[in-house]
Amino acid sequence: MLADDLRRPYQHPYAVTARGERPAPTPTSSDDHPRTAASAERTVHRLHHIRQVSDQAISVIDQVLEQAS
């Protein structure tokens, strides 16, 4: 699809390929370091947030199970 080609200049990791054909590697650039570092920081922040929300959800589930029994 044309829209996918415009948004995704690399092959999608789950794209269907011909049997035995390997997907093209994702292009990398040596000047990506500052963007990569910022991206890594955002990823770590998101993962911390996900963990916090997951811990809260587990606490709520534990409380509900405790009340139900």
N, C-alpha and C. Protein backbone atom coordinates (compact mmCIF):
# COMPACT_ATOMS: atom_id res chain seq x y z
N MET A 1 0.84 -1.17 0.00
CA MET A 1 0.00 0.00 0.00
C MET A 1 0.89 1.23 0.00
N LEU A 2 0.51 2.24 -0.71
CA LEU A 2 1.33 3.43 -0.86
C LEU A 2 1.53 4.16 0.46
N ALA A 3 0.49 4.24 1.28
CA ALA A 3 0.62 4.93 2.57
C ALA A 3 1.64 4.24 3.45
N ASP A 4 1.67 2.91 3.45
CA ASP A 4 2.67 2.19 4.25
C ASP A 4 4.06 2.46 3.74
N ASP A 5 4.22 2.54 2.43
CA ASP A 5 5.54 2.81 1.86
C ASP A 5 6.04 4.19 2.27
N LEU A 6 5.14 5.16 2.37
CA LEU A 6 5.55 6.50 2.74
C LEU A 6 5.92 6.59 4.21
N ARG A 7 5.18 5.90 5.07
CA ARG A 7 5.45 5.97 6.50
C ARG A 7 6.57 5.05 6.92
N ARG A 8 6.76 3.95 6.22
CA ARG A 8 7.68 2.92 6.65
C ARG A 8 8.73 2.68 5.56
N PRO A 9 9.89 3.36 5.62
CA PRO A 9 10.89 3.18 4.57
C PRO A 9 11.65 1.85 4.68
N TYR A 10 11.35 1.05 5.69
CA TYR A 10 11.98 -0.25 5.85
C TYR A 10 10.89 -1.31 5.82
N GLN A 11 11.30 -2.54 5.67
CA GLN A 11 10.33 -3.63 5.62
C GLN A 11 9.75 -3.87 7.01
N HIS A 12 8.45 -4.01 7.06
CA HIS A 12 7.78 -4.27 8.33
C HIS A 12 8.24 -5.62 8.85
N PRO A 13 8.51 -5.76 10.18
CA PRO A 13 9.05 -7.02 10.71
C PRO A 13 8.14 -8.22 10.51
N TYR A 14 6.83 -7.99 10.36
CA TYR A 14 5.91 -9.10 10.18
C TYR A 14 5.41 -9.21 8.74
N ALA A 15 6.07 -8.53 7.82
CA ALA A 15 5.65 -8.58 6.43
C ALA A 15 5.85 -9.99 5.88
N VAL A 16 4.97 -10.39 5.01
CA VAL A 16 5.07 -11.71 4.39
C VAL A 16 6.14 -11.65 3.31
N THR A 17 7.07 -12.58 3.38
CA THR A 17 8.12 -12.66 2.37
C THR A 17 8.01 -14.00 1.67
N ALA A 18 8.63 -14.07 0.50
CA ALA A 18 8.62 -15.34 -0.22
C ALA A 18 9.39 -16.37 0.59
N ARG A 19 9.03 -17.61 0.43
CA ARG A 19 9.66 -18.68 1.21
C ARG A 19 11.16 -18.70 0.96
N GLY A 20 11.93 -18.71 2.03
CA GLY A 20 13.38 -18.73 1.93
C GLY A 20 14.00 -17.36 1.74
N GLU A 21 13.18 -16.35 1.52
CA GLU A 21 13.70 -15.01 1.32
C GLU A 21 13.84 -14.31 2.68
N ARG A 22 14.95 -13.65 2.87
CA ARG A 22 15.17 -12.94 4.13
C ARG A 22 14.79 -11.48 3.95
N PRO A 23 14.19 -10.87 4.97
CA PRO A 23 13.84 -9.45 4.85
C PRO A 23 15.09 -8.59 4.82
N ALA A 24 14.98 -7.44 4.18
CA ALA A 24 16.10 -6.51 4.10
C ALA A 24 16.37 -5.95 5.49
N PRO A 25 17.65 -5.74 5.83
CA PRO A 25 17.96 -5.19 7.16
C PRO A 25 17.47 -3.75 7.27
N THR A 26 17.16 -3.34 8.49
CA THR A 26 16.74 -1.97 8.75
C THR A 26 17.92 -1.05 8.56
N PRO A 27 17.76 0.03 7.80
CA PRO A 27 18.91 0.93 7.59
C PRO A 27 19.29 1.63 8.89
N THR A 28 20.59 1.81 9.08
CA THR A 28 21.09 2.52 10.27
C THR A 28 21.97 3.67 9.82
N SER A 29 22.19 4.59 10.71
CA SER A 29 23.01 5.75 10.40
C SER A 29 23.93 6.03 11.58
N SER A 30 25.15 6.46 11.29
CA SER A 30 26.10 6.72 12.37
C SER A 30 25.77 8.01 13.11
N ASP A 31 25.03 8.93 12.48
CA ASP A 31 24.70 10.19 13.15
C ASP A 31 23.40 10.08 13.95
N ASP A 32 22.91 8.88 14.17
CA ASP A 32 21.68 8.65 14.90
C ASP A 32 21.88 8.66 16.41
N HIS A 33 23.10 8.77 16.90
CA HIS A 33 23.36 8.61 18.33
C HIS A 33 22.54 9.55 19.22
N PRO A 34 22.50 10.86 18.95
CA PRO A 34 21.68 11.72 19.83
C PRO A 34 20.20 11.34 19.81
N ARG A 35 19.68 11.03 18.63
CA ARG A 35 18.28 10.63 18.55
C ARG A 35 18.07 9.29 19.23
N THR A 36 19.04 8.38 19.09
CA THR A 36 18.93 7.07 19.71
C THR A 36 18.96 7.20 21.23
N ALA A 37 19.82 8.07 21.76
CA ALA A 37 19.89 8.26 23.21
C ALA A 37 18.59 8.84 23.74
N ALA A 38 18.04 9.82 23.04
CA ALA A 38 16.77 10.42 23.47
C ALA A 38 15.65 9.39 23.38
N SER A 39 15.68 8.60 22.34
CA SER A 39 14.67 7.57 22.17
C SER A 39 14.78 6.53 23.28
N ALA A 40 15.99 6.17 23.64
CA ALA A 40 16.20 5.20 24.72
C ALA A 40 15.69 5.75 26.05
N GLU A 41 15.92 7.04 26.29
CA GLU A 41 15.43 7.65 27.53
C GLU A 41 13.91 7.63 27.57
N ARG A 42 13.26 7.94 26.43
CA ARG A 42 11.79 7.90 26.39
C ARG A 42 11.29 6.49 26.61
N THR A 43 11.99 5.51 26.03
CA THR A 43 11.58 4.11 26.20
C THR A 43 11.67 3.71 27.66
N VAL A 44 12.75 4.06 28.32
CA VAL A 44 12.92 3.73 29.74
C VAL A 44 11.82 4.39 30.56
N HIS A 45 11.53 5.65 30.26
CA HIS A 45 10.46 6.36 30.98
C HIS A 45 9.12 5.65 30.78
N ARG A 46 8.82 5.26 29.54
CA ARG A 46 7.57 4.56 29.26
C ARG A 46 7.51 3.22 29.98
N LEU A 47 8.62 2.50 30.00
CA LEU A 47 8.64 1.21 30.68
C LEU A 47 8.42 1.37 32.19
N HIS A 48 9.01 2.40 32.77
CA HIS A 48 8.77 2.67 34.20
C HIS A 48 7.29 2.96 34.44
N HIS A 49 6.71 3.75 33.55
CA HIS A 49 5.29 4.07 33.70
C HIS A 49 4.43 2.81 33.55
N ILE A 50 4.75 1.99 32.58
CA ILE A 50 4.01 0.73 32.38
C ILE A 50 4.12 -0.14 33.62
N ARG A 51 5.31 -0.21 34.19
CA ARG A 51 5.49 -1.03 35.39
C ARG A 51 4.67 -0.48 36.56
N GLN A 52 4.66 0.84 36.70
CA GLN A 52 3.90 1.45 37.79
C GLN A 52 2.41 1.16 37.61
N VAL A 53 1.90 1.33 36.40
CA VAL A 53 0.48 1.07 36.15
C VAL A 53 0.17 -0.42 36.35
N SER A 54 1.08 -1.29 35.93
CA SER A 54 0.87 -2.72 36.11
C SER A 54 0.84 -3.08 37.59
N ASP A 55 1.74 -2.51 38.36
CA ASP A 55 1.75 -2.77 39.81
C ASP A 55 0.44 -2.30 40.46
N GLN A 56 -0.06 -1.14 40.02
CA GLN A 56 -1.33 -0.64 40.56
C GLN A 56 -2.47 -1.58 40.17
N ALA A 57 -2.46 -2.05 38.94
CA ALA A 57 -3.52 -2.97 38.50
C ALA A 57 -3.48 -4.27 39.28
N ILE A 58 -2.29 -4.78 39.53
CA ILE A 58 -2.15 -6.02 40.30
C ILE A 58 -2.66 -5.81 41.72
N SER A 59 -2.37 -4.64 42.30
CA SER A 59 -2.87 -4.35 43.65
C SER A 59 -4.39 -4.33 43.68
N VAL A 60 -4.99 -3.69 42.69
CA VAL A 60 -6.46 -3.63 42.63
C VAL A 60 -7.03 -5.03 42.47
N ILE A 61 -6.44 -5.83 41.60
CA ILE A 61 -6.91 -7.21 41.40
C ILE A 61 -6.78 -8.01 42.69
N ASP A 62 -5.66 -7.85 43.38
CA ASP A 62 -5.48 -8.56 44.66
C ASP A 62 -6.54 -8.15 45.68
N GLN A 63 -6.87 -6.85 45.75
CA GLN A 63 -7.89 -6.37 46.68
C GLN A 63 -9.25 -6.97 46.34
N VAL A 64 -9.58 -7.00 45.06
CA VAL A 64 -10.88 -7.54 44.64
C VAL A 64 -10.95 -9.03 44.96
N LEU A 65 -9.88 -9.75 44.70
CA LEU A 65 -9.86 -11.17 45.00
C LEU A 65 -9.96 -11.42 46.51
N GLU A 66 -9.31 -10.56 47.27
CA GLU A 66 -9.36 -10.69 48.74
C GLU A 66 -10.78 -10.47 49.24
N GLN A 67 -11.46 -9.48 48.68
CA GLN A 67 -12.84 -9.20 49.09
C GLN A 67 -13.79 -10.29 48.64
N ALA A 68 -13.52 -10.90 47.50
CA ALA A 68 -14.41 -11.92 46.95
C ALA A 68 -14.31 -13.24 47.72
N SER A 69 -13.21 -13.46 48.39
CA SER A 69 -13.05 -14.75 49.08
C SER A 69 -13.38 -14.68 50.55
